C-alpha atoms as a PDB file:
ATOM      1  CA  MET A   1      84.303 134.389 116.786  1.00  0.00           C
ATOM      2  CA  THR A   2      84.165 130.738 117.743  1.00  0.00           C
ATOM      3  CA  GLU A   3      82.753 129.790 114.326  1.00  0.00           C
ATOM      4  CA  ASN A   4      85.561 131.677 112.576  1.00  0.00           C
ATOM      5  CA  THR A   5      88.168 129.969 114.745  1.00  0.00           C
ATOM      6  CA  THR A   6      86.634 126.552 114.027  1.00  0.00           C
ATOM      7  CA  ALA A   7      86.552 127.296 110.291  1.00  0.00           C
ATOM      8  CA  ASP A   8      90.208 128.395 110.336  1.00  0.00           C
ATOM      9  CA  ALA A   9      91.168 125.230 112.224  1.00  0.00           C
ATOM     10  CA  ARG A  10      89.355 123.107 109.638  1.00  0.00           C
ATOM     11  CA  VAL A  11      91.173 124.880 106.801  1.00  0.00           C
ATOM     12  CA  ARG A  12      94.548 124.355 108.486  1.00  0.00           C
ATOM     13  CA  THR A  13      93.729 120.692 109.125  1.00  0.00           C
ATOM     14  CA  SER A  14      92.645 120.222 105.518  1.00  0.00           C
ATOM     15  CA  VAL A  15      95.826 121.853 104.181  1.00  0.00           C
ATOM     16  CA  THR A  16      98.012 119.798 106.515  1.00  0.00           C
ATOM     17  CA  ARG A  17      96.221 116.600 105.490  1.00  0.00           C
ATOM     18  CA  LYS A  18      96.736 117.367 101.790  1.00  0.00           C
ATOM     19  CA  LEU A  19     100.445 118.088 102.326  1.00  0.00           C
ATOM     20  CA  VAL A  20     100.984 114.886 104.311  1.00  0.00           C
ATOM     21  CA  ARG A  21      99.216 112.846 101.633  1.00  0.00           C
ATOM     22  CA  ASN A  22     100.986 114.600  98.746  1.00  0.00           C
ATOM     23  CA  PRO A  23     103.323 112.101  96.994  1.00  0.00           C
ATOM     24  CA  LEU A  24     105.141 114.956  95.215  1.00  0.00           C
ATOM     25  CA  LEU A  25     106.170 116.407  98.571  1.00  0.00           C
ATOM     26  CA  TRP A  26     107.411 113.038  99.833  1.00  0.00           C
ATOM     27  CA  GLY A  27     109.208 112.352  96.559  1.00  0.00           C
ATOM     28  CA  ALA A  28     111.028 115.684  96.753  1.00  0.00           C
ATOM     29  CA  VAL A  29     112.030 115.073 100.390  1.00  0.00           C
ATOM     30  CA  LEU A  30     113.321 111.559  99.669  1.00  0.00           C
ATOM     31  CA  LEU A  31     115.275 112.623  96.587  1.00  0.00           C
ATOM     32  CA  LEU A  32     116.771 115.581  98.443  1.00  0.00           C
ATOM     33  CA  ALA A  33     117.906 113.205 101.198  1.00  0.00           C
ATOM     34  CA  ALA A  34     119.319 110.815  98.582  1.00  0.00           C
ATOM     35  CA  ILE A  35     121.251 113.673  96.964  1.00  0.00           C
ATOM     36  CA  VAL A  36     122.720 114.695 100.337  1.00  0.00           C
ATOM     37  CA  PHE A  37     123.822 111.127 101.117  1.00  0.00           C
ATOM     38  CA  THR A  38     125.210 110.552  97.619  1.00  0.00           C
ATOM     39  CA  VAL A  39     127.151 113.814  97.393  1.00  0.00           C
ATOM     40  CA  ALA A  40     128.516 113.388 100.927  1.00  0.00           C
ATOM     41  CA  GLY A  41     129.607 109.765 100.329  1.00  0.00           C
ATOM     42  CA  ASP A  42     132.148 108.247  98.014  1.00  0.00           C
ATOM     43  CA  ASP A  43     129.912 105.642  96.383  1.00  0.00           C
ATOM     44  CA  LEU A  44     126.297 104.588  95.909  1.00  0.00           C
ATOM     45  CA  SER A  45     125.334 102.830  99.161  1.00  0.00           C
ATOM     46  CA  PHE A  46     122.141 100.881  99.760  1.00  0.00           C
ATOM     47  CA  PHE A  47     120.223 103.445 101.858  1.00  0.00           C
ATOM     48  CA  PRO A  48     120.367 106.366  99.385  1.00  0.00           C
ATOM     49  CA  PHE A  49     119.710 103.859  96.591  1.00  0.00           C
ATOM     50  CA  LEU A  50     116.474 102.892  98.369  1.00  0.00           C
ATOM     51  CA  LEU A  51     115.543 106.561  98.826  1.00  0.00           C
ATOM     52  CA  MET A  52     116.003 107.088  95.077  1.00  0.00           C
ATOM     53  CA  LEU A  53     113.706 104.189  94.211  1.00  0.00           C
ATOM     54  CA  ILE A  54     110.907 105.233  96.573  1.00  0.00           C
ATOM     55  CA  GLY A  55     111.269 108.939  95.767  1.00  0.00           C
ATOM     56  CA  GLY A  56     111.142 108.263  92.033  1.00  0.00           C
ATOM     57  CA  TRP A  57     108.093 106.057  92.471  1.00  0.00           C
ATOM     58  CA  CYS A  58     106.340 108.883  94.379  1.00  0.00           C
ATOM     59  CA  PHE A  59     106.711 111.173  91.356  1.00  0.00           C
ATOM     60  CA  GLY A  60     105.466 108.493  88.959  1.00  0.00           C
ATOM     61  CA  PHE A  61     102.539 107.720  91.281  1.00  0.00           C
ATOM     62  CA  ALA A  62     101.561 111.402  91.485  1.00  0.00           C
ATOM     63  CA  PHE A  63     101.725 111.847  87.702  1.00  0.00           C
ATOM     64  CA  VAL A  64      99.605 108.777  86.924  1.00  0.00           C
ATOM     65  CA  ASN A  65      96.951 109.834  89.453  1.00  0.00           C
ATOM     66  CA  ALA A  66      96.914 113.351  87.986  1.00  0.00           C
ATOM     67  CA  THR A  67      96.308 112.032  84.442  1.00  0.00           C
ATOM     68  CA  PHE A  68      93.437 109.843  85.631  1.00  0.00           C
ATOM     69  CA  ASP A  69      91.857 112.863  87.362  1.00  0.00           C
ATOM     70  CA  MET A  70      92.054 115.143  84.324  1.00  0.00           C
ATOM     71  CA  VAL A  71      88.868 116.373  82.642  1.00  0.00           C
ATOM     72  CA  PRO A  72      88.081 115.387  79.944  1.00  0.00           C
ATOM     73  CA  ALA A  73      89.597 111.915  80.406  1.00  0.00           C
ATOM     74  CA  ARG A  74      90.925 111.915  76.822  1.00  0.00           C
ATOM     75  CA  ASN A  75      93.336 114.747  77.644  1.00  0.00           C
ATOM     76  CA  GLY A  76      94.744 112.764  80.541  1.00  0.00           C
ATOM     77  CA  ALA A  77      95.232 109.709  78.320  1.00  0.00           C
ATOM     78  CA  ILE A  78      97.005 111.755  75.623  1.00  0.00           C
ATOM     79  CA  LEU A  79      99.309 113.400  78.157  1.00  0.00           C
ATOM     80  CA  HIS A  80     100.013 110.002  79.739  1.00  0.00           C
ATOM     81  CA  VAL A  81     101.062 108.496  76.409  1.00  0.00           C
ATOM     82  CA  ILE A  82     103.252 111.459  75.424  1.00  0.00           C
ATOM     83  CA  VAL A  83     105.076 111.620  78.764  1.00  0.00           C
ATOM     84  CA  ALA A  84     105.539 107.820  78.907  1.00  0.00           C
ATOM     85  CA  VAL A  85     107.113 107.733  75.437  1.00  0.00           C
ATOM     86  CA  VAL A  86     109.270 110.827  75.941  1.00  0.00           C
ATOM     87  CA  LEU A  87     110.542 109.696  79.345  1.00  0.00           C
ATOM     88  CA  GLY A  88     111.137 106.172  78.041  1.00  0.00           C
ATOM     89  CA  VAL A  89     113.299 107.489  75.202  1.00  0.00           C
ATOM     90  CA  LEU A  90     115.030 109.972  77.504  1.00  0.00           C
ATOM     91  CA  VAL A  91     115.886 107.355  80.163  1.00  0.00           C
ATOM     92  CA  THR A  92     117.168 104.951  77.509  1.00  0.00           C
ATOM     93  CA  SER A  93     119.348 107.695  75.985  1.00  0.00           C
ATOM     94  CA  VAL A  94     120.725 108.682  79.383  1.00  0.00           C
ATOM     95  CA  ILE A  95     121.555 105.044  80.139  1.00  0.00           C
ATOM     96  CA  GLU A  96     123.468 104.763  76.865  1.00  0.00           C
ATOM     97  CA  PHE A  97     125.208 108.128  76.692  1.00  0.00           C
ATOM     98  CA  GLY A  98     124.772 109.809  80.083  1.00  0.00           C
ATOM     99  CA  GLY A  99     128.077 108.605  81.518  1.00  0.00           C
ATOM    100  CA  ASP A 100     130.195 110.166  78.777  1.00  0.00           C
ATOM    101  CA  LEU A 101     128.291 113.455  78.902  1.00  0.00           C
ATOM    102  CA  LEU A 102     128.750 113.796  82.678  1.00  0.00           C
ATOM    103  CA  ASP A 103     132.485 113.056  82.776  1.00  0.00           C
ATOM    104  CA  PRO A 104     133.585 116.724  82.429  1.00  0.00           C
ATOM    105  CA  PHE A 105     131.371 117.887  85.333  1.00  0.00           C
ATOM    106  CA  PRO A 106     132.375 118.068  89.037  1.00  0.00           C
ATOM    107  CA  ALA A 107     131.677 115.105  91.310  1.00  0.00           C
ATOM    108  CA  ALA A 108     128.755 116.878  93.030  1.00  0.00           C
ATOM    109  CA  VAL A 109     126.966 117.415  89.711  1.00  0.00           C
ATOM    110  CA  ARG A 110     127.573 113.806  88.718  1.00  0.00           C
ATOM    111  CA  GLY A 111     126.174 112.688  92.091  1.00  0.00           C
ATOM    112  CA  VAL A 112     122.973 114.676  91.588  1.00  0.00           C
ATOM    113  CA  ALA A 113     122.655 113.286  88.058  1.00  0.00           C
ATOM    114  CA  VAL A 114     123.033 109.718  89.329  1.00  0.00           C
ATOM    115  CA  VAL A 115     120.250 110.269  91.863  1.00  0.00           C
ATOM    116  CA  LEU A 116     117.909 111.649  89.206  1.00  0.00           C
ATOM    117  CA  GLN A 117     118.748 108.841  86.782  1.00  0.00           C
ATOM    118  CA  MET A 118     118.116 106.127  89.357  1.00  0.00           C
ATOM    119  CA  ALA A 119     114.892 107.804  90.527  1.00  0.00           C
ATOM    120  CA  ALA A 120     113.669 108.061  86.935  1.00  0.00           C
ATOM    121  CA  ILE A 121     113.671 104.267  86.536  1.00  0.00           C
ATOM    122  CA  PRO A 122     110.856 103.440  89.042  1.00  0.00           C
ATOM    123  CA  ALA A 123     109.013 106.636  88.052  1.00  0.00           C
ATOM    124  CA  VAL A 124     108.987 105.686  84.376  1.00  0.00           C
ATOM    125  CA  GLY A 125     108.230 102.076  85.272  1.00  0.00           C
ATOM    126  CA  TRP A 126     105.126 103.129  87.233  1.00  0.00           C
ATOM    127  CA  ILE A 127     104.037 105.480  84.437  1.00  0.00           C
ATOM    128  CA  TRP A 128     104.293 102.640  81.917  1.00  0.00           C
ATOM    129  CA  LEU A 129     102.450 100.330  84.294  1.00  0.00           C
ATOM    130  CA  GLY A 130      99.642 102.901  84.448  1.00  0.00           C
ATOM    131  CA  LEU A 131      99.673 103.105  80.657  1.00  0.00           C
ATOM    132  CA  LEU A 132      99.398  99.318  80.499  1.00  0.00           C
ATOM    133  CA  SER A 133      96.339  99.610  82.746  1.00  0.00           C
ATOM    134  CA  ARG A 134      94.808 102.092  80.298  1.00  0.00           C
ATOM    135  CA  VAL A 135      95.476  99.796  77.327  1.00  0.00           C
ATOM    136  CA  THR A 136      94.016  96.806  79.167  1.00  0.00           C
ATOM    137  CA  ASP A 137      90.929  98.843  80.022  1.00  0.00           C
ATOM    138  CA  LEU A 138      90.594  99.962  76.381  1.00  0.00           C
ATOM    139  CA  LEU A 139      90.854  96.374  75.104  1.00  0.00           C
ATOM    140  CA  GLY A 140      88.316  95.328  77.707  1.00  0.00           C
ATOM    141  CA  ARG A 141      85.894  97.976  76.450  1.00  0.00           C
ATOM    142  CA  ARG A 142      86.340  96.784  72.861  1.00  0.00           C
ATOM    143  CA  ASP A 143      85.623  93.222  73.910  1.00  0.00           C
ATOM    144  CA  ALA A 144      82.645  94.459  75.886  1.00  0.00           C
ATOM    145  CA  LYS A 145      81.028  95.652  72.635  1.00  0.00           C
ATOM    146  CA  LYS A 146      80.616  91.983  71.708  1.00  0.00           C
ATOM    147  CA  ARG A 147      78.834  91.177  74.963  1.00  0.00           C
ATOM    148  CA  PRO A 148      76.576  93.011  77.409  1.00  0.00           C
ATOM    149  CA  LEU A 149      78.390  95.810  79.198  1.00  0.00           C
ATOM    150  CA  PRO A 150      79.024  95.261  82.907  1.00  0.00           C
ATOM    151  CA  VAL A 151      76.808  97.461  85.031  1.00  0.00           C
ATOM    152  CA  ALA A 152      77.407  99.113  88.364  1.00  0.00           C
ATOM    153  CA  PRO A 153      75.553  97.816  91.434  1.00  0.00           C
ATOM    154  CA  GLU A 154      72.208  99.567  91.872  1.00  0.00           C
ATOM    155  CA  TRP A 155      70.310 100.898  94.852  1.00  0.00           C
ATOM    156  CA  GLU A 156      67.364  98.785  95.953  1.00  0.00           C
ATOM    157  CA  ARG A 157      64.515  99.442  98.313  1.00  0.00           C
ATOM    158  CA  GLU A 158      65.390  97.908 101.667  1.00  0.00           C
ATOM    159  CA  GLU A 159      63.066  95.291 103.124  1.00  0.00           C
ATOM    160  CA  SER A 160      62.416  97.454 106.184  1.00  0.00           C
ATOM    161  CA  GLY A 161      61.027 100.110 103.823  1.00  0.00           C
ATOM    162  CA  ASP A 162      62.845 103.079 105.401  1.00  0.00           C
ATOM    163  CA  GLY A 163      65.682 103.500 102.933  1.00  0.00           C
ATOM    164  CA  SER A 164      67.847 102.207 100.090  1.00  0.00           C
ATOM    165  CA  VAL A 165      70.541  99.521 100.086  1.00  0.00           C
ATOM    166  CA  VAL A 166      73.322  98.599  97.663  1.00  0.00           C
ATOM    167  CA  ARG A 167      75.174  95.269  97.706  1.00  0.00           C
ATOM    168  CA  PHE A 168      78.654  94.809  96.245  1.00  0.00           C
ATOM    169  CA  PRO A 169      81.948  92.936  96.728  1.00  0.00           C
ATOM    170  CA  GLY A 170      84.657  94.837  98.613  1.00  0.00           C
ATOM    171  CA  ILE A 171      87.966  94.524 100.424  1.00  0.00           C
ATOM    172  CA  GLU A 172      88.320  95.986 103.895  1.00  0.00           C
ATOM    173  CA  LEU A 173      91.479  98.007 103.406  1.00  0.00           C
ATOM    174  CA  ARG A 174      92.642 101.529 104.238  1.00  0.00           C
ATOM    175  CA  MET A 175      94.131 103.655 101.488  1.00  0.00           C
ATOM    176  CA  ARG A 176      97.050 104.393 103.806  1.00  0.00           C
ATOM    177  CA  SER A 177      97.710 100.659 104.117  1.00  0.00           C
ATOM    178  CA  LEU A 178      97.409 100.209 100.347  1.00  0.00           C
ATOM    179  CA  THR A 179      99.927 102.995  99.739  1.00  0.00           C
ATOM    180  CA  GLN A 180     102.290 101.569 102.359  1.00  0.00           C
ATOM    181  CA  ALA A 181     102.010  98.138 100.752  1.00  0.00           C
ATOM    182  CA  ILE A 182     102.910  99.578  97.347  1.00  0.00           C
ATOM    183  CA  VAL A 183     105.899 101.338  98.912  1.00  0.00           C
ATOM    184  CA  ALA A 184     106.845  98.012 100.499  1.00  0.00           C
ATOM    185  CA  ILE A 185     106.736  96.405  97.049  1.00  0.00           C
ATOM    186  CA  VAL A 186     109.180  99.053  95.843  1.00  0.00           C
ATOM    187  CA  VAL A 187     111.405  98.295  98.847  1.00  0.00           C
ATOM    188  CA  VAL A 188     111.202  94.535  98.174  1.00  0.00           C
ATOM    189  CA  PHE A 189     112.072  95.196  94.555  1.00  0.00           C
ATOM    190  CA  GLY A 190     115.053  97.252  95.695  1.00  0.00           C
ATOM    191  CA  LEU A 191     116.262  94.522  98.036  1.00  0.00           C
ATOM    192  CA  LEU A 192     115.828  91.768  95.466  1.00  0.00           C
ATOM    193  CA  GLY A 193     117.461  93.976  92.865  1.00  0.00           C
ATOM    194  CA  VAL A 194     120.527  94.573  95.027  1.00  0.00           C
ATOM    195  CA  VAL A 195     120.828  90.837  95.806  1.00  0.00           C
ATOM    196  CA  ALA A 196     120.414  89.927  92.138  1.00  0.00           C
ATOM    197  CA  LEU A 197     122.962  92.520  91.013  1.00  0.00           C
ATOM    198  CA  ILE A 198     125.468  91.175  93.535  1.00  0.00           C
ATOM    199  CA  ALA A 199     124.816  87.562  92.522  1.00  0.00           C
ATOM    200  CA  LEU A 200     125.014  88.376  88.797  1.00  0.00           C
ATOM    201  CA  ASP A 201     127.853  90.862  89.069  1.00  0.00           C
ATOM    202  CA  ASP A 202     129.595  89.881  85.799  1.00  0.00           C
ATOM    203  CA  LEU A 203     126.394  89.971  83.749  1.00  0.00           C
ATOM    204  CA  ALA A 204     125.282  93.252  85.343  1.00  0.00           C
ATOM    205  CA  MET A 205     128.599  94.920  84.579  1.00  0.00           C
ATOM    206  CA  ARG A 206     128.461  93.822  80.941  1.00  0.00           C
ATOM    207  CA  MET A 207     124.973  95.209  80.330  1.00  0.00           C
ATOM    208  CA  GLY A 208     125.408  98.240  82.609  1.00  0.00           C
ATOM    209  CA  PRO A 209     123.812  98.735  86.043  1.00  0.00           C
ATOM    210  CA  ARG A 210     120.984 100.967  84.840  1.00  0.00           C
ATOM    211  CA  ILE A 211     119.810  98.539  82.156  1.00  0.00           C
ATOM    212  CA  ALA A 212     120.098  95.721  84.704  1.00  0.00           C
ATOM    213  CA  ILE A 213     117.839  97.647  87.125  1.00  0.00           C
ATOM    214  CA  LEU A 214     115.332  98.313  84.343  1.00  0.00           C
ATOM    215  CA  LEU A 215     115.203  94.607  83.457  1.00  0.00           C
ATOM    216  CA  LEU A 216     114.808  93.681  87.106  1.00  0.00           C
ATOM    217  CA  GLY A 217     111.831  96.022  87.298  1.00  0.00           C
ATOM    218  CA  ILE A 218     110.141  94.021  84.532  1.00  0.00           C
ATOM    219  CA  VAL A 219     111.211  90.587  85.773  1.00  0.00           C
ATOM    220  CA  VAL A 220     110.755  91.201  89.525  1.00  0.00           C
ATOM    221  CA  GLY A 221     108.734  94.368  90.148  1.00  0.00           C
ATOM    222  CA  LEU A 222     105.807  93.713  87.784  1.00  0.00           C
ATOM    223  CA  PRO A 223     105.182  90.091  88.905  1.00  0.00           C
ATOM    224  CA  VAL A 224     105.322  91.188  92.569  1.00  0.00           C
ATOM    225  CA  TYR A 225     102.723  93.902  91.911  1.00  0.00           C
ATOM    226  CA  LEU A 226     100.428  91.497  90.028  1.00  0.00           C
ATOM    227  CA  ALA A 227     100.783  88.914  92.804  1.00  0.00           C
ATOM    228  CA  PHE A 228      99.952  91.585  95.385  1.00  0.00           C
ATOM    229  CA  THR A 229      96.756  92.490  93.501  1.00  0.00           C
ATOM    230  CA  ALA A 230      95.764  88.822  93.269  1.00  0.00           C
ATOM    231  CA  ILE A 231      96.300  88.356  97.023  1.00  0.00           C
ATOM    232  CA  LEU A 232      94.128  91.386  97.782  1.00  0.00           C
ATOM    233  CA  ARG A 233      91.309  90.071  95.604  1.00  0.00           C
ATOM    234  CA  ARG A 234      91.241  86.847  97.600  1.00  0.00           C
ATOM    235  CA  ARG A 235      90.123  88.960 100.577  1.00  0.00           C
ATOM    236  CA  THR A 236      86.976  90.057  98.748  1.00  0.00           C
ATOM    237  CA  GLN A 237      83.834  89.950 100.927  1.00  0.00           C
ATOM    238  CA  GLN A 238      80.197  90.598 100.217  1.00  0.00           C
ATOM    239  CA  CYS A 239      79.237  94.026 101.546  1.00  0.00           C
ATOM    240  CA  ALA A 240      76.117  96.141 101.813  1.00  0.00           C
ATOM    241  CA  VAL A 241      75.461  99.787 102.657  1.00  0.00           C
ATOM    242  CA  ALA A 242      71.972 100.997 103.536  1.00  0.00           C
ATOM    243  CA  PHE A 243      70.817 104.549 104.254  1.00  0.00           C
ATOM    244  CA  GLY A 244      67.697 104.624 106.424  1.00  0.00           C
ATOM    245  CA  ASN A 245      65.771 107.676 107.483  1.00  0.00           C
ATOM    246  CA  ASP A 246      68.009 108.360 110.468  1.00  0.00           C
ATOM    247  CA  GLU A 247      70.872 105.850 110.372  1.00  0.00           C
ATOM    248  CA  LEU A 248      73.522 104.209 108.246  1.00  0.00           C
ATOM    249  CA  ARG A 249      73.677 100.415 108.195  1.00  0.00           C
ATOM    250  CA  VAL A 250      76.835  98.685 106.953  1.00  0.00           C
ATOM    251  CA  ARG A 251      77.614  95.006 106.467  1.00  0.00           C
ATOM    252  CA  VAL A 252      81.135  93.767 105.676  1.00  0.00           C
ATOM    253  CA  GLY A 253      81.181  89.985 105.444  1.00  0.00           C
ATOM    254  CA  GLU A 254      79.429  88.774 108.598  1.00  0.00           C
ATOM    255  CA  THR A 255      80.016  91.994 110.551  1.00  0.00           C
ATOM    256  CA  HIS A 256      77.157  94.499 110.902  1.00  0.00           C
ATOM    257  CA  HIS A 257      77.338  98.135 112.014  1.00  0.00           C
ATOM    258  CA  THR A 258      74.558 100.647 112.639  1.00  0.00           C
ATOM    259  CA  ILE A 259      75.452 104.332 112.977  1.00  0.00           C
ATOM    260  CA  PRO A 260      72.884 107.083 113.586  1.00  0.00           C
ATOM    261  CA  PHE A 261      73.410 110.039 111.263  1.00  0.00           C
ATOM    262  CA  ARG A 262      73.884 112.359 114.246  1.00  0.00           C
ATOM    263  CA  GLU A 263      76.904 110.248 115.320  1.00  0.00           C
ATOM    264  CA  LEU A 264      78.585 110.156 111.923  1.00  0.00           C
ATOM    265  CA  GLU A 265      81.942 111.919 111.783  1.00  0.00           C
ATOM    266  CA  LEU A 266      83.028 111.061 108.233  1.00  0.00           C
ATOM    267  CA  LEU A 267      81.518 109.486 105.137  1.00  0.00           C
ATOM    268  CA  ARG A 268      83.600 109.261 101.959  1.00  0.00           C
ATOM    269  CA  TRP A 269      82.108 107.747  98.790  1.00  0.00           C
ATOM    270  CA  ARG A 270      84.192 107.259  95.610  1.00  0.00           C
ATOM    271  CA  THR A 271      82.303 105.716  92.700  1.00  0.00           C
ATOM    272  CA  ARG A 272      84.978 104.827  90.125  1.00  0.00           C
ATOM    273  CA  SER A 273      88.625 103.892  89.424  1.00  0.00           C
ATOM    274  CA  ASP A 274      90.845 101.367  91.198  1.00  0.00           C
ATOM    275  CA  TYR A 275      90.392 103.510  94.318  1.00  0.00           C
ATOM    276  CA  ALA A 276      86.582 103.282  94.332  1.00  0.00           C
ATOM    277  CA  ARG A 277      85.646 102.841  97.989  1.00  0.00           C
ATOM    278  CA  PHE A 278      83.580 103.992 100.914  1.00  0.00           C
ATOM    279  CA  GLU A 279      84.912 105.130 104.277  1.00  0.00           C
ATOM    280  CA  VAL A 280      82.841 105.701 107.383  1.00  0.00           C
ATOM    281  CA  ARG A 281      83.806 106.805 110.880  1.00  0.00           C
ATOM    282  CA  GLY A 282      81.785 107.504 114.007  1.00  0.00           C
ATOM    283  CA  GLY A 283      79.297 105.926 116.363  1.00  0.00           C
ATOM    284  CA  SER A 284      80.721 103.544 118.996  1.00  0.00           C
ATOM    285  CA  GLY A 285      84.203 103.560 117.497  1.00  0.00           C
ATOM    286  CA  VAL A 286      83.258 102.417 113.997  1.00  0.00           C
ATOM    287  CA  ASP A 287      86.115 103.162 111.576  1.00  0.00           C
ATOM    288  CA  LEU A 288      85.783 101.356 108.234  1.00  0.00           C
ATOM    289  CA  SER A 289      87.402 101.651 104.826  1.00  0.00           C
ATOM    290  CA  VAL A 290      86.217  99.241 102.117  1.00  0.00           C
ATOM    291  CA  VAL A 291      87.804  99.315  98.645  1.00  0.00           C
ATOM    292  CA  THR A 292      85.660  98.104  95.745  1.00  0.00           C
ATOM    293  CA  GLY A 293      87.778  99.197  92.779  1.00  0.00           C
ATOM    294  CA  ILE A 294      90.235  96.287  93.044  1.00  0.00           C
ATOM    295  CA  ALA A 295      87.757  93.693  94.366  1.00  0.00           C
ATOM    296  CA  LYS A 296      86.617  90.891  92.076  1.00  0.00           C
ATOM    297  CA  PRO A 297      83.104  91.753  90.858  1.00  0.00           C
ATOM    298  CA  PRO A 298      80.481  89.098  90.007  1.00  0.00           C
ATOM    299  CA  PRO A 299      79.850  88.375  86.298  1.00  0.00           C
ATOM    300  CA  GLY A 300      77.993  91.174  84.578  1.00  0.00           C
ATOM    301  CA  PHE A 301      78.915  93.822  87.159  1.00  0.00           C
ATOM    302  CA  SER A 302      81.689  96.405  87.306  1.00  0.00           C
ATOM    303  CA  ALA A 303      83.958  97.083  90.286  1.00  0.00           C
ATOM    304  CA  GLU A 304      82.450 100.435  91.223  1.00  0.00           C
ATOM    305  CA  LEU A 305      79.817 102.069  93.391  1.00  0.00           C
ATOM    306  CA  PRO A 306      76.628 103.850  92.289  1.00  0.00           C
ATOM    307  CA  PRO A 307      76.221 107.560  93.070  1.00  0.00           C
ATOM    308  CA  LEU A 308      74.634 108.362  96.423  1.00  0.00           C
ATOM    309  CA  PRO A 309      70.854 108.856  96.313  1.00  0.00           C
ATOM    310  CA  LYS A 310      69.782 112.504  96.383  1.00  0.00           C
ATOM    311  CA  ARG A 311      67.767 111.966  99.564  1.00  0.00           C
ATOM    312  CA  VAL A 312      70.980 110.986 101.383  1.00  0.00           C
ATOM    313  CA  TYR A 313      72.517 114.406 100.728  1.00  0.00           C
ATOM    314  CA  ARG A 314      69.582 116.119 102.419  1.00  0.00           C
ATOM    315  CA  ARG A 315      69.491 113.698 105.346  1.00  0.00           C
ATOM    316  CA  LEU A 316      73.191 114.087 106.103  1.00  0.00           C
ATOM    317  CA  GLU A 317      73.127 117.871 105.784  1.00  0.00           C
ATOM    318  CA  LEU A 318      70.184 118.007 108.217  1.00  0.00           C
ATOM    319  CA  ALA A 319      72.277 115.880 110.575  1.00  0.00           C
ATOM    320  CA  GLY A 320      74.990 118.588 110.611  1.00  0.00           C
ATOM    321  CA  MET A 321      77.382 117.131 108.021  1.00  0.00           C
ATOM    322  CA  THR A 322      79.296 119.342 105.557  1.00  0.00           C
ATOM    323  CA  LEU A 323      79.585 118.260 101.908  1.00  0.00           C
ATOM    324  CA  GLU A 324      82.915 118.257 100.033  1.00  0.00           C
ATOM    325  CA  LYS A 325      83.207 117.329  96.344  1.00  0.00           C
ATOM    326  CA  SER A 326      86.186 116.447  94.162  1.00  0.00           C
ATOM    327  CA  ARG A 327      86.797 118.111  90.800  1.00  0.00           C
ATOM    328  CA  ARG A 328      85.206 115.219  88.887  1.00  0.00           C
ATOM    329  CA  ASP A 329      82.459 114.551  91.445  1.00  0.00           C
ATOM    330  CA  GLU A 330      83.722 110.968  91.749  1.00  0.00           C
ATOM    331  CA  VAL A 331      84.609 111.490  95.415  1.00  0.00           C
ATOM    332  CA  ILE A 332      81.879 112.704  97.774  1.00  0.00           C
ATOM    333  CA  THR A 333      82.912 113.456 101.357  1.00  0.00           C
ATOM    334  CA  PHE A 334      80.640 114.364 104.247  1.00  0.00           C
ATOM    335  CA  ARG A 335      82.491 115.583 107.301  1.00  0.00           C
ATOM    336  CA  ARG A 336      81.297 116.878 110.649  1.00  0.00           C
END
């Protein structure tokens, strides 16, 4: 009975965690709030405008992540290209002709349409930014054919002789903090956009507010995002993770942690993508999250992690940990 209750509690916790971390859910909530504020008010004020930007970005963020998680990867790339082109054409057409088409409709319908149009701009912008990342990666692979391919860090036999160790560059950063920082970038873009539109009122009115916002996304939003990535990479530290017979040993910069397997509460290991990382929690309050996917790798190496050794699976399961796998096996999670 107790085991069933514990299992049910774990399922409920897992479902709740997925809902809280679901960008589609947050996007829908923010856009619904923006619609309520817009329909209830007489004009487009700053607060609902901000909700539209962040809500739209949530949808774009969710779509890009979904395409990168698709199997095979080619299907995700094809869908990404099709949706980016179609939405780009659609948003441009709405900017040009949407006002005239909406004139016959009631004010409430026009308000909802304005919210969706404004939200579409950051969503499409993020989708195109993800597409740019794909193109850059493709060009990098073509160039790589002319030189040795970068390789992932490899496991080595530890000097103590009781396990394996892998060394790699990483950035101590929680995914929650990374997501919040990206949201903050959207907010900064919104603030700078509002200030710029006010300062350049005559120019903005001549080109139309929606085109002005789109241009500001290219001129302001993209440079801010690239600067943010560059700042994160400056925090890169040399890290090492070693699995002994009975303990996990972690080094981040000059800080060392040793956690017995029996005291581990969580181990998450993602091998690829910009979100490649390891997370570990347990043992004397240790709570680490180190991202490798956006860290600056040394020459000849890729910014990823090698798969966990097979012996680690057995050791952790014997220590009472439960294994969870993602659809593409890129994310391995052991949880107590």
